[in-house]
Amino acid sequence: MPKASDVKKNSAIEFNNSVYIIKDIERSVPQGRAGGSLYRMRMYDVVSGAKTDETFKDSDMLTMADLIHRDVMYSYLDGDELVFMDSEDYTPYNFSIEQIEDERLFITEATQGLQVLVIDGQAVALSLPQTVSLTITETDPSIKGASASARTKPATLETGLIVQVPEYISSGEAIKINTAEKKFMSRA
């Protein structure tokens, strides 16, 4: 059983006799507390999809749920659902657009390293790789002589995600994006 401080996003925990997927974690250190951090977790019930916000002390012990990671690839858009295909047995997993709203900004047909989290045979969440390569569709023209440590400019990527990139990057280039921080890392 891990402590609350050891739990990561997209983990599944058992809480109040239900299984929850953790979608967001905010750490805070209140003033006047003797070294105790608080972790506010936004969780979604696996069965009902109900959202719950819960705060845990860093030393609280949480029970992890039995979770299976399956390697998948993006297959196609079916109405308002995205369909992912299991890389081993070709099982289709469907997610509504609202269900994976944040993850969708990093997914193209070429995205490698996607995983579906399965609990009791039901796909409950999509896990992204740490980095993805995406192509810039629109940005201001590059400036000759701009250095790597210079100012940044906004760039719209092929999925609609907008990130800040260095001035020397131009439209049509493929870049690496950190999926956790939604930040530019390097050219792909």
N, C-alpha and C. Protein backbone atom coordinates (compact mmCIF):
# COMPACT_ATOMS: atom_id res chain seq x y z
N MET A 1 0.84 -1.18 0.00
CA MET A 1 0.00 0.00 0.00
C MET A 1 0.88 1.25 0.00
N PRO A 2 0.78 2.04 -1.06
CA PRO A 2 1.61 3.25 -1.13
C PRO A 2 1.01 4.40 -0.33
N LYS A 3 1.87 5.34 -0.02
CA LYS A 3 1.42 6.57 0.63
C LYS A 3 0.79 7.47 -0.43
N ALA A 4 0.02 8.44 0.02
CA ALA A 4 -0.62 9.38 -0.91
C ALA A 4 0.43 10.14 -1.72
N SER A 5 1.59 10.38 -1.14
CA SER A 5 2.64 11.12 -1.83
C SER A 5 3.28 10.31 -2.96
N ASP A 6 3.09 8.99 -2.97
CA ASP A 6 3.69 8.12 -3.99
C ASP A 6 2.75 7.82 -5.15
N VAL A 7 1.48 8.21 -5.04
CA VAL A 7 0.49 7.90 -6.08
C VAL A 7 0.65 8.88 -7.24
N LYS A 8 0.52 8.35 -8.47
CA LYS A 8 0.68 9.16 -9.69
C LYS A 8 -0.67 9.29 -10.41
N LYS A 9 -0.70 10.23 -11.38
CA LYS A 9 -1.89 10.38 -12.22
C LYS A 9 -2.16 9.08 -12.97
N ASN A 10 -3.42 8.85 -13.29
CA ASN A 10 -3.91 7.66 -13.99
C ASN A 10 -3.71 6.37 -13.21
N SER A 11 -3.53 6.49 -11.89
CA SER A 11 -3.49 5.32 -11.03
C SER A 11 -4.92 5.00 -10.62
N ALA A 12 -5.14 3.76 -10.26
CA ALA A 12 -6.46 3.35 -9.78
C ALA A 12 -6.35 2.99 -8.31
N ILE A 13 -7.24 3.57 -7.50
CA ILE A 13 -7.23 3.27 -6.07
C ILE A 13 -8.62 2.81 -5.65
N GLU A 14 -8.65 2.05 -4.55
CA GLU A 14 -9.91 1.67 -3.93
C GLU A 14 -10.16 2.65 -2.80
N PHE A 15 -11.33 3.29 -2.84
CA PHE A 15 -11.67 4.31 -1.86
C PHE A 15 -13.17 4.29 -1.65
N ASN A 16 -13.63 4.24 -0.39
CA ASN A 16 -15.06 4.20 -0.07
C ASN A 16 -15.79 3.10 -0.83
N ASN A 17 -15.22 1.91 -0.85
CA ASN A 17 -15.81 0.72 -1.48
C ASN A 17 -16.05 0.88 -2.98
N SER A 18 -15.29 1.75 -3.64
CA SER A 18 -15.37 1.91 -5.09
C SER A 18 -13.96 2.02 -5.64
N VAL A 19 -13.85 1.85 -6.96
CA VAL A 19 -12.55 2.01 -7.61
C VAL A 19 -12.56 3.34 -8.35
N TYR A 20 -11.53 4.14 -8.12
CA TYR A 20 -11.41 5.47 -8.72
C TYR A 20 -10.13 5.58 -9.53
N ILE A 21 -10.21 6.29 -10.65
CA ILE A 21 -9.05 6.65 -11.45
C ILE A 21 -8.67 8.08 -11.07
N ILE A 22 -7.40 8.31 -10.76
CA ILE A 22 -6.94 9.64 -10.39
C ILE A 22 -6.55 10.39 -11.66
N LYS A 23 -7.23 11.50 -11.94
CA LYS A 23 -6.98 12.27 -13.15
C LYS A 23 -6.08 13.48 -12.90
N ASP A 24 -6.09 14.00 -11.68
CA ASP A 24 -5.27 15.19 -11.40
C ASP A 24 -4.87 15.18 -9.94
N ILE A 25 -3.63 15.63 -9.69
CA ILE A 25 -3.12 15.71 -8.32
C ILE A 25 -2.51 17.10 -8.12
N GLU A 26 -2.94 17.77 -7.06
CA GLU A 26 -2.37 19.07 -6.69
C GLU A 26 -1.75 18.91 -5.31
N ARG A 27 -0.48 19.30 -5.20
CA ARG A 27 0.22 19.22 -3.92
C ARG A 27 0.26 20.61 -3.29
N SER A 28 -0.04 20.68 -2.01
CA SER A 28 0.04 21.96 -1.32
C SER A 28 0.69 21.75 0.04
N VAL A 29 1.39 22.77 0.50
CA VAL A 29 2.04 22.73 1.80
C VAL A 29 1.48 23.91 2.60
N PRO A 30 0.46 23.66 3.41
CA PRO A 30 -0.14 24.73 4.19
C PRO A 30 0.85 25.32 5.20
N GLN A 31 0.78 26.61 5.42
CA GLN A 31 1.64 27.27 6.39
C GLN A 31 1.24 26.85 7.80
N GLY A 32 2.24 26.70 8.65
CA GLY A 32 1.95 26.37 10.03
C GLY A 32 1.82 24.89 10.32
N ARG A 33 1.91 24.06 9.30
CA ARG A 33 1.85 22.61 9.53
C ARG A 33 3.27 22.10 9.67
N ALA A 34 3.47 21.18 10.52
CA ALA A 34 4.82 20.66 10.76
C ALA A 34 5.21 19.67 9.67
N GLY A 35 5.59 20.19 8.52
CA GLY A 35 6.12 19.35 7.43
C GLY A 35 5.10 18.49 6.73
N GLY A 36 3.83 18.75 6.87
CA GLY A 36 2.83 17.89 6.25
C GLY A 36 2.29 18.47 4.96
N SER A 37 2.51 17.75 3.86
CA SER A 37 1.95 18.16 2.58
C SER A 37 0.55 17.58 2.44
N LEU A 38 -0.29 18.27 1.69
CA LEU A 38 -1.62 17.77 1.37
C LEU A 38 -1.70 17.50 -0.12
N TYR A 39 -2.37 16.43 -0.49
CA TYR A 39 -2.54 16.05 -1.88
C TYR A 39 -4.03 16.05 -2.20
N ARG A 40 -4.43 17.00 -3.03
CA ARG A 40 -5.83 17.08 -3.46
C ARG A 40 -5.93 16.32 -4.78
N MET A 41 -6.74 15.29 -4.80
CA MET A 41 -6.85 14.42 -5.97
C MET A 41 -8.24 14.51 -6.57
N ARG A 42 -8.27 14.74 -7.88
CA ARG A 42 -9.53 14.70 -8.62
C ARG A 42 -9.66 13.28 -9.16
N MET A 43 -10.71 12.59 -8.72
CA MET A 43 -10.88 11.18 -9.06
C MET A 43 -12.22 10.95 -9.74
N TYR A 44 -12.25 9.93 -10.59
CA TYR A 44 -13.48 9.56 -11.28
C TYR A 44 -13.81 8.11 -10.97
N ASP A 45 -15.06 7.86 -10.58
CA ASP A 45 -15.51 6.51 -10.30
C ASP A 45 -15.50 5.71 -11.59
N VAL A 46 -14.93 4.51 -11.53
CA VAL A 46 -14.81 3.66 -12.72
C VAL A 46 -16.17 3.25 -13.26
N VAL A 47 -17.10 2.93 -12.38
CA VAL A 47 -18.40 2.43 -12.81
C VAL A 47 -19.33 3.55 -13.27
N SER A 48 -19.52 4.57 -12.42
CA SER A 48 -20.51 5.60 -12.73
C SER A 48 -19.92 6.81 -13.46
N GLY A 49 -18.60 7.00 -13.38
CA GLY A 49 -17.97 8.17 -13.99
C GLY A 49 -18.12 9.43 -13.15
N ALA A 50 -18.65 9.29 -11.93
CA ALA A 50 -18.86 10.44 -11.06
C ALA A 50 -17.52 11.02 -10.60
N LYS A 51 -17.43 12.35 -10.59
CA LYS A 51 -16.21 13.03 -10.19
C LYS A 51 -16.22 13.28 -8.70
N THR A 52 -15.06 13.07 -8.07
CA THR A 52 -14.90 13.31 -6.65
C THR A 52 -13.56 14.00 -6.41
N ASP A 53 -13.55 15.02 -5.58
CA ASP A 53 -12.31 15.65 -5.14
C ASP A 53 -12.08 15.25 -3.70
N GLU A 54 -10.89 14.73 -3.43
CA GLU A 54 -10.57 14.27 -2.08
C GLU A 54 -9.18 14.75 -1.71
N THR A 55 -8.97 15.11 -0.46
CA THR A 55 -7.67 15.57 0.01
C THR A 55 -7.10 14.55 0.98
N PHE A 56 -5.82 14.19 0.75
CA PHE A 56 -5.13 13.23 1.59
C PHE A 56 -3.87 13.86 2.16
N LYS A 57 -3.48 13.44 3.38
CA LYS A 57 -2.19 13.82 3.93
C LYS A 57 -1.13 12.99 3.22
N ASP A 58 0.11 13.49 3.19
CA ASP A 58 1.17 12.76 2.48
C ASP A 58 1.45 11.38 3.08
N SER A 59 1.10 11.18 4.36
CA SER A 59 1.38 9.89 5.00
C SER A 59 0.18 8.93 4.95
N ASP A 60 -0.97 9.37 4.42
CA ASP A 60 -2.14 8.49 4.32
C ASP A 60 -1.82 7.31 3.40
N MET A 61 -2.22 6.12 3.84
CA MET A 61 -2.00 4.92 3.03
C MET A 61 -3.22 4.67 2.15
N LEU A 62 -2.98 4.45 0.86
CA LEU A 62 -4.05 4.20 -0.09
C LEU A 62 -3.94 2.78 -0.63
N THR A 63 -5.06 2.19 -0.99
CA THR A 63 -5.07 0.85 -1.54
C THR A 63 -5.18 0.92 -3.06
N MET A 64 -4.19 0.36 -3.73
CA MET A 64 -4.20 0.36 -5.20
C MET A 64 -5.17 -0.70 -5.70
N ALA A 65 -5.87 -0.41 -6.78
CA ALA A 65 -6.80 -1.37 -7.39
C ALA A 65 -6.05 -2.23 -8.39
N ASP A 66 -6.57 -3.43 -8.63
CA ASP A 66 -5.96 -4.31 -9.63
C ASP A 66 -6.21 -3.71 -11.00
N LEU A 67 -5.13 -3.42 -11.69
CA LEU A 67 -5.19 -2.67 -12.94
C LEU A 67 -4.34 -3.38 -13.97
N ILE A 68 -4.87 -3.52 -15.18
CA ILE A 68 -4.12 -4.15 -16.27
C ILE A 68 -3.83 -3.08 -17.31
N HIS A 69 -2.57 -3.00 -17.73
CA HIS A 69 -2.17 -2.08 -18.79
C HIS A 69 -2.11 -2.86 -20.10
N ARG A 70 -2.82 -2.38 -21.12
CA ARG A 70 -2.80 -3.03 -22.44
C ARG A 70 -2.28 -2.04 -23.47
N ASP A 71 -1.28 -2.46 -24.26
CA ASP A 71 -0.75 -1.61 -25.33
C ASP A 71 -1.78 -1.51 -26.44
N VAL A 72 -2.06 -0.29 -26.88
CA VAL A 72 -3.05 -0.06 -27.93
C VAL A 72 -2.51 0.95 -28.93
N MET A 73 -3.21 1.03 -30.06
CA MET A 73 -2.93 2.08 -31.04
C MET A 73 -4.26 2.72 -31.42
N TYR A 74 -4.20 4.01 -31.75
CA TYR A 74 -5.41 4.71 -32.15
C TYR A 74 -5.86 4.17 -33.50
N SER A 75 -7.14 3.86 -33.60
CA SER A 75 -7.65 3.27 -34.83
C SER A 75 -8.48 4.27 -35.65
N TYR A 76 -9.59 4.75 -35.08
CA TYR A 76 -10.44 5.68 -35.84
C TYR A 76 -11.44 6.37 -34.93
N LEU A 77 -12.08 7.41 -35.48
CA LEU A 77 -13.13 8.16 -34.79
C LEU A 77 -14.47 7.63 -35.27
N ASP A 78 -15.32 7.22 -34.32
CA ASP A 78 -16.63 6.68 -34.65
C ASP A 78 -17.69 7.55 -33.99
N GLY A 79 -18.19 8.54 -34.72
CA GLY A 79 -19.16 9.48 -34.15
C GLY A 79 -18.50 10.33 -33.10
N ASP A 80 -18.94 10.19 -31.85
CA ASP A 80 -18.32 10.93 -30.76
C ASP A 80 -17.46 10.03 -29.87
N GLU A 81 -17.00 8.91 -30.45
CA GLU A 81 -16.13 7.98 -29.73
C GLU A 81 -14.85 7.73 -30.51
N LEU A 82 -13.74 7.62 -29.77
CA LEU A 82 -12.47 7.23 -30.38
C LEU A 82 -12.27 5.74 -30.12
N VAL A 83 -11.84 5.02 -31.14
CA VAL A 83 -11.66 3.58 -31.02
C VAL A 83 -10.17 3.27 -31.04
N PHE A 84 -9.74 2.49 -30.04
CA PHE A 84 -8.35 2.06 -29.93
C PHE A 84 -8.31 0.55 -30.07
N MET A 85 -7.28 0.04 -30.74
CA MET A 85 -7.17 -1.39 -31.00
C MET A 85 -6.02 -1.96 -30.18
N ASP A 86 -6.28 -3.06 -29.46
CA ASP A 86 -5.26 -3.74 -28.68
C ASP A 86 -4.18 -4.27 -29.63
N SER A 87 -2.93 -4.03 -29.30
CA SER A 87 -1.82 -4.41 -30.18
C SER A 87 -1.60 -5.92 -30.23
N GLU A 88 -2.07 -6.67 -29.23
CA GLU A 88 -1.84 -8.11 -29.21
C GLU A 88 -3.04 -8.90 -29.74
N ASP A 89 -4.22 -8.68 -29.18
CA ASP A 89 -5.37 -9.51 -29.57
C ASP A 89 -6.44 -8.74 -30.35
N TYR A 90 -6.15 -7.48 -30.73
CA TYR A 90 -7.02 -6.65 -31.58
C TYR A 90 -8.40 -6.38 -30.97
N THR A 91 -8.49 -6.40 -29.66
CA THR A 91 -9.72 -6.03 -28.98
C THR A 91 -9.94 -4.53 -29.11
N PRO A 92 -11.13 -4.09 -29.56
CA PRO A 92 -11.38 -2.65 -29.65
C PRO A 92 -11.80 -2.08 -28.28
N TYR A 93 -11.26 -0.90 -27.97
CA TYR A 93 -11.64 -0.18 -26.75
C TYR A 93 -12.18 1.18 -27.18
N ASN A 94 -13.41 1.50 -26.76
CA ASN A 94 -14.03 2.77 -27.14
C ASN A 94 -14.01 3.74 -25.96
N PHE A 95 -13.69 5.00 -26.28
CA PHE A 95 -13.74 6.07 -25.29
C PHE A 95 -14.50 7.23 -25.90
N SER A 96 -15.38 7.84 -25.11
CA SER A 96 -16.08 9.03 -25.60
C SER A 96 -15.09 10.20 -25.61
N ILE A 97 -15.36 11.19 -26.44
CA ILE A 97 -14.48 12.35 -26.55
C ILE A 97 -14.35 13.05 -25.19
N GLU A 98 -15.47 13.15 -24.42
CA GLU A 98 -15.41 13.80 -23.12
C GLU A 98 -14.57 13.01 -22.14
N GLN A 99 -14.57 11.68 -22.26
CA GLN A 99 -13.86 10.81 -21.34
C GLN A 99 -12.34 11.01 -21.42
N ILE A 100 -11.83 11.27 -22.62
CA ILE A 100 -10.38 11.44 -22.79
C ILE A 100 -10.08 12.80 -23.43
N GLU A 101 -10.78 13.82 -22.95
CA GLU A 101 -10.68 15.16 -23.51
C GLU A 101 -9.25 15.69 -23.50
N ASP A 102 -8.53 15.54 -22.38
CA ASP A 102 -7.16 16.05 -22.28
C ASP A 102 -6.18 15.21 -23.10
N GLU A 103 -6.33 13.89 -23.06
CA GLU A 103 -5.42 13.00 -23.77
C GLU A 103 -5.55 13.13 -25.29
N ARG A 104 -6.73 13.50 -25.75
CA ARG A 104 -6.99 13.58 -27.19
C ARG A 104 -6.06 14.56 -27.91
N LEU A 105 -5.61 15.59 -27.19
CA LEU A 105 -4.73 16.60 -27.78
C LEU A 105 -3.36 16.07 -28.15
N PHE A 106 -3.03 14.85 -27.72
CA PHE A 106 -1.72 14.27 -28.01
C PHE A 106 -1.81 13.06 -28.94
N ILE A 107 -3.00 12.72 -29.41
CA ILE A 107 -3.19 11.47 -30.15
C ILE A 107 -3.35 11.71 -31.65
N THR A 108 -2.51 11.03 -32.42
CA THR A 108 -2.66 10.96 -33.88
C THR A 108 -2.58 9.48 -34.26
N GLU A 109 -2.78 9.18 -35.51
CA GLU A 109 -2.69 7.78 -35.93
C GLU A 109 -1.28 7.23 -35.80
N ALA A 110 -0.29 8.10 -35.75
CA ALA A 110 1.10 7.66 -35.64
C ALA A 110 1.60 7.59 -34.20
N THR A 111 0.79 7.97 -33.21
CA THR A 111 1.23 7.99 -31.82
C THR A 111 1.54 6.58 -31.33
N GLN A 112 2.74 6.41 -30.80
CA GLN A 112 3.19 5.13 -30.27
C GLN A 112 3.20 5.19 -28.74
N GLY A 113 3.05 4.04 -28.08
CA GLY A 113 3.18 3.98 -26.63
C GLY A 113 1.91 4.23 -25.85
N LEU A 114 0.75 4.21 -26.52
CA LEU A 114 -0.52 4.38 -25.81
C LEU A 114 -0.87 3.11 -25.05
N GLN A 115 -1.49 3.28 -23.88
CA GLN A 115 -1.95 2.14 -23.11
C GLN A 115 -3.35 2.40 -22.60
N VAL A 116 -4.15 1.33 -22.56
CA VAL A 116 -5.48 1.39 -21.98
C VAL A 116 -5.40 0.73 -20.62
N LEU A 117 -6.01 1.36 -19.62
CA LEU A 117 -6.06 0.79 -18.28
C LEU A 117 -7.38 0.03 -18.13
N VAL A 118 -7.30 -1.26 -17.81
CA VAL A 118 -8.47 -2.12 -17.76
C VAL A 118 -8.66 -2.63 -16.34
N ILE A 119 -9.89 -2.48 -15.83
CA ILE A 119 -10.27 -3.02 -14.52
C ILE A 119 -11.49 -3.90 -14.73
N ASP A 120 -11.40 -5.14 -14.30
CA ASP A 120 -12.50 -6.11 -14.44
C ASP A 120 -13.03 -6.17 -15.86
N GLY A 121 -12.13 -6.16 -16.84
CA GLY A 121 -12.52 -6.29 -18.24
C GLY A 121 -13.06 -5.01 -18.87
N GLN A 122 -13.10 -3.93 -18.12
CA GLN A 122 -13.65 -2.67 -18.62
C GLN A 122 -12.53 -1.64 -18.77
N ALA A 123 -12.45 -1.03 -19.97
CA ALA A 123 -11.46 0.02 -20.20
C ALA A 123 -11.91 1.27 -19.46
N VAL A 124 -11.03 1.79 -18.58
CA VAL A 124 -11.42 2.92 -17.75
C VAL A 124 -10.62 4.18 -18.02
N ALA A 125 -9.42 4.05 -18.58
CA ALA A 125 -8.62 5.25 -18.82
C ALA A 125 -7.59 4.97 -19.91
N LEU A 126 -7.09 6.04 -20.48
CA LEU A 126 -6.07 5.97 -21.51
C LEU A 126 -4.80 6.60 -20.95
N SER A 127 -3.69 5.89 -21.05
CA SER A 127 -2.41 6.38 -20.54
C SER A 127 -1.52 6.78 -21.71
N LEU A 128 -0.97 7.99 -21.65
CA LEU A 128 -0.13 8.51 -22.72
C LEU A 128 1.34 8.19 -22.46
N PRO A 129 2.15 8.13 -23.53
CA PRO A 129 3.60 8.04 -23.30
C PRO A 129 4.11 9.36 -22.73
N GLN A 130 5.35 9.38 -22.22
CA GLN A 130 5.88 10.61 -21.64
C GLN A 130 6.06 11.70 -22.68
N THR A 131 6.44 11.31 -23.91
CA THR A 131 6.62 12.29 -24.98
C THR A 131 5.92 11.81 -26.24
N VAL A 132 5.45 12.77 -27.04
CA VAL A 132 4.87 12.46 -28.35
C VAL A 132 5.45 13.44 -29.37
N SER A 133 5.48 13.00 -30.63
CA SER A 133 5.93 13.87 -31.72
C SER A 133 4.70 14.36 -32.48
N LEU A 134 4.59 15.68 -32.62
CA LEU A 134 3.48 16.28 -33.34
C LEU A 134 4.03 17.32 -34.31
N THR A 135 3.27 17.57 -35.38
CA THR A 135 3.68 18.53 -36.40
C THR A 135 3.00 19.87 -36.18
N ILE A 136 3.77 20.94 -36.36
CA ILE A 136 3.24 22.28 -36.22
C ILE A 136 2.46 22.64 -37.48
N THR A 137 1.21 23.06 -37.32
CA THR A 137 0.40 23.46 -38.48
C THR A 137 0.41 24.97 -38.67
N GLU A 138 0.57 25.71 -37.56
CA GLU A 138 0.53 27.17 -37.69
C GLU A 138 1.36 27.83 -36.59
N THR A 139 2.25 28.71 -37.01
CA THR A 139 3.01 29.53 -36.06
C THR A 139 3.57 30.72 -36.82
N ASP A 140 4.04 31.72 -36.11
CA ASP A 140 4.66 32.88 -36.75
C ASP A 140 5.91 32.42 -37.50
N PRO A 141 6.32 33.14 -38.53
CA PRO A 141 7.52 32.75 -39.27
C PRO A 141 8.73 32.69 -38.34
N SER A 142 9.68 31.78 -38.67
CA SER A 142 10.88 31.66 -37.85
C SER A 142 11.78 32.87 -38.09
N ILE A 143 12.57 33.17 -37.09
CA ILE A 143 13.48 34.32 -37.18
C ILE A 143 14.89 33.79 -37.34
N LYS A 144 15.56 34.19 -38.42
CA LYS A 144 16.93 33.75 -38.64
C LYS A 144 17.83 34.30 -37.54
N GLY A 145 18.72 33.45 -37.05
CA GLY A 145 19.65 33.87 -36.03
C GLY A 145 19.10 33.80 -34.62
N ALA A 146 17.85 33.34 -34.46
CA ALA A 146 17.29 33.21 -33.12
C ALA A 146 17.99 32.05 -32.41
N SER A 147 18.40 32.25 -31.19
CA SER A 147 19.11 31.21 -30.46
C SER A 147 18.13 30.32 -29.71
N ALA A 148 18.62 29.18 -29.23
CA ALA A 148 17.77 28.22 -28.54
C ALA A 148 17.25 28.77 -27.21
N SER A 149 17.95 29.72 -26.62
CA SER A 149 17.51 30.24 -25.33
C SER A 149 16.72 31.54 -25.48
N ALA A 150 16.34 31.87 -26.70
CA ALA A 150 15.64 33.14 -26.96
C ALA A 150 14.17 33.04 -26.55
N ARG A 151 13.42 34.05 -26.91
CA ARG A 151 12.00 34.12 -26.58
C ARG A 151 11.21 33.01 -27.28
N THR A 152 9.97 32.85 -26.83
CA THR A 152 9.11 31.83 -27.42
C THR A 152 7.93 32.48 -28.13
N LYS A 153 7.22 31.65 -28.89
CA LYS A 153 6.02 32.10 -29.60
C LYS A 153 5.02 30.94 -29.57
N PRO A 154 3.71 31.23 -29.70
CA PRO A 154 2.73 30.14 -29.69
C PRO A 154 2.73 29.39 -31.03
N ALA A 155 2.51 28.09 -30.95
CA ALA A 155 2.41 27.26 -32.14
C ALA A 155 1.21 26.32 -31.99
N THR A 156 0.41 26.23 -33.06
CA THR A 156 -0.73 25.32 -33.07
C THR A 156 -0.28 24.02 -33.72
N LEU A 157 -0.54 22.90 -33.04
CA LEU A 157 -0.13 21.59 -33.54
C LEU A 157 -1.27 20.91 -34.28
N GLU A 158 -0.97 19.82 -34.95
CA GLU A 158 -1.94 19.12 -35.79
C GLU A 158 -3.18 18.65 -35.04
N THR A 159 -3.10 18.48 -33.73
CA THR A 159 -4.25 18.03 -32.94
C THR A 159 -5.05 19.17 -32.36
N GLY A 160 -4.57 20.41 -32.54
CA GLY A 160 -5.25 21.58 -31.99
C GLY A 160 -4.60 22.10 -30.71
N LEU A 161 -3.65 21.36 -30.17
CA LEU A 161 -2.93 21.79 -28.97
C LEU A 161 -2.06 23.00 -29.29
N ILE A 162 -2.04 23.97 -28.39
CA ILE A 162 -1.20 25.16 -28.57
C ILE A 162 -0.12 25.15 -27.50
N VAL A 163 1.13 25.21 -27.93
CA VAL A 163 2.28 25.24 -27.01
C VAL A 163 3.21 26.38 -27.39
N GLN A 164 4.06 26.75 -26.45
CA GLN A 164 5.07 27.77 -26.70
C GLN A 164 6.32 27.07 -27.25
N VAL A 165 6.85 27.59 -28.37
CA VAL A 165 8.06 27.04 -28.98
C VAL A 165 9.08 28.16 -29.17
N PRO A 166 10.36 27.82 -29.28
CA PRO A 166 11.37 28.85 -29.54
C PRO A 166 11.14 29.52 -30.90
N GLU A 167 11.64 30.73 -31.05
CA GLU A 167 11.40 31.51 -32.27
C GLU A 167 11.99 30.88 -33.52
N TYR A 168 13.00 30.01 -33.39
CA TYR A 168 13.63 29.43 -34.57
C TYR A 168 12.83 28.27 -35.18
N ILE A 169 11.77 27.83 -34.53
CA ILE A 169 10.91 26.76 -35.04
C ILE A 169 9.92 27.35 -36.03
N SER A 170 9.67 26.60 -37.13
CA SER A 170 8.73 27.10 -38.14
C SER A 170 7.61 26.10 -38.40
N SER A 171 6.59 26.53 -39.13
CA SER A 171 5.45 25.67 -39.48
C SER A 171 5.93 24.47 -40.28
N GLY A 172 5.25 23.33 -40.06
CA GLY A 172 5.59 22.12 -40.80
C GLY A 172 6.63 21.25 -40.11
N GLU A 173 7.28 21.76 -39.08
CA GLU A 173 8.29 20.98 -38.36
C GLU A 173 7.63 20.04 -37.36
N ALA A 174 8.25 18.88 -37.14
CA ALA A 174 7.79 17.95 -36.12
C ALA A 174 8.58 18.23 -34.84
N ILE A 175 7.85 18.29 -33.72
CA ILE A 175 8.49 18.58 -32.44
C ILE A 175 8.06 17.56 -31.40
N LYS A 176 8.88 17.40 -30.36
CA LYS A 176 8.55 16.52 -29.24
C LYS A 176 7.89 17.35 -28.16
N ILE A 177 6.81 16.79 -27.59
CA ILE A 177 6.05 17.46 -26.54
C ILE A 177 6.04 16.56 -25.30
N ASN A 178 6.27 17.15 -24.13
CA ASN A 178 6.13 16.44 -22.87
C ASN A 178 4.63 16.41 -22.55
N THR A 179 4.04 15.21 -22.47
CA THR A 179 2.59 15.10 -22.29
C THR A 179 2.13 15.51 -20.89
N ALA A 180 2.96 15.33 -19.88
CA ALA A 180 2.56 15.68 -18.51
C ALA A 180 2.50 17.20 -18.33
N GLU A 181 3.47 17.91 -18.91
CA GLU A 181 3.54 19.36 -18.72
C GLU A 181 3.01 20.16 -19.90
N LYS A 182 2.68 19.49 -21.00
CA LYS A 182 2.21 20.13 -22.23
C LYS A 182 3.21 21.19 -22.70
N LYS A 183 4.50 20.80 -22.71
CA LYS A 183 5.56 21.74 -23.07
C LYS A 183 6.44 21.19 -24.19
N PHE A 184 6.98 22.12 -24.99
CA PHE A 184 7.95 21.81 -26.04
C PHE A 184 9.22 21.24 -25.40
N MET A 185 9.77 20.18 -26.02
CA MET A 185 11.03 19.62 -25.54
C MET A 185 12.16 19.82 -26.53
N SER A 186 11.90 19.41 -27.80
CA SER A 186 12.94 19.52 -28.83
C SER A 186 12.31 19.27 -30.20
N ARG A 187 13.12 19.41 -31.22
CA ARG A 187 12.68 18.97 -32.56
C ARG A 187 12.64 17.45 -32.56
N ALA A 188 11.73 16.91 -33.35
CA ALA A 188 11.60 15.44 -33.41
C ALA A 188 12.59 14.86 -34.42
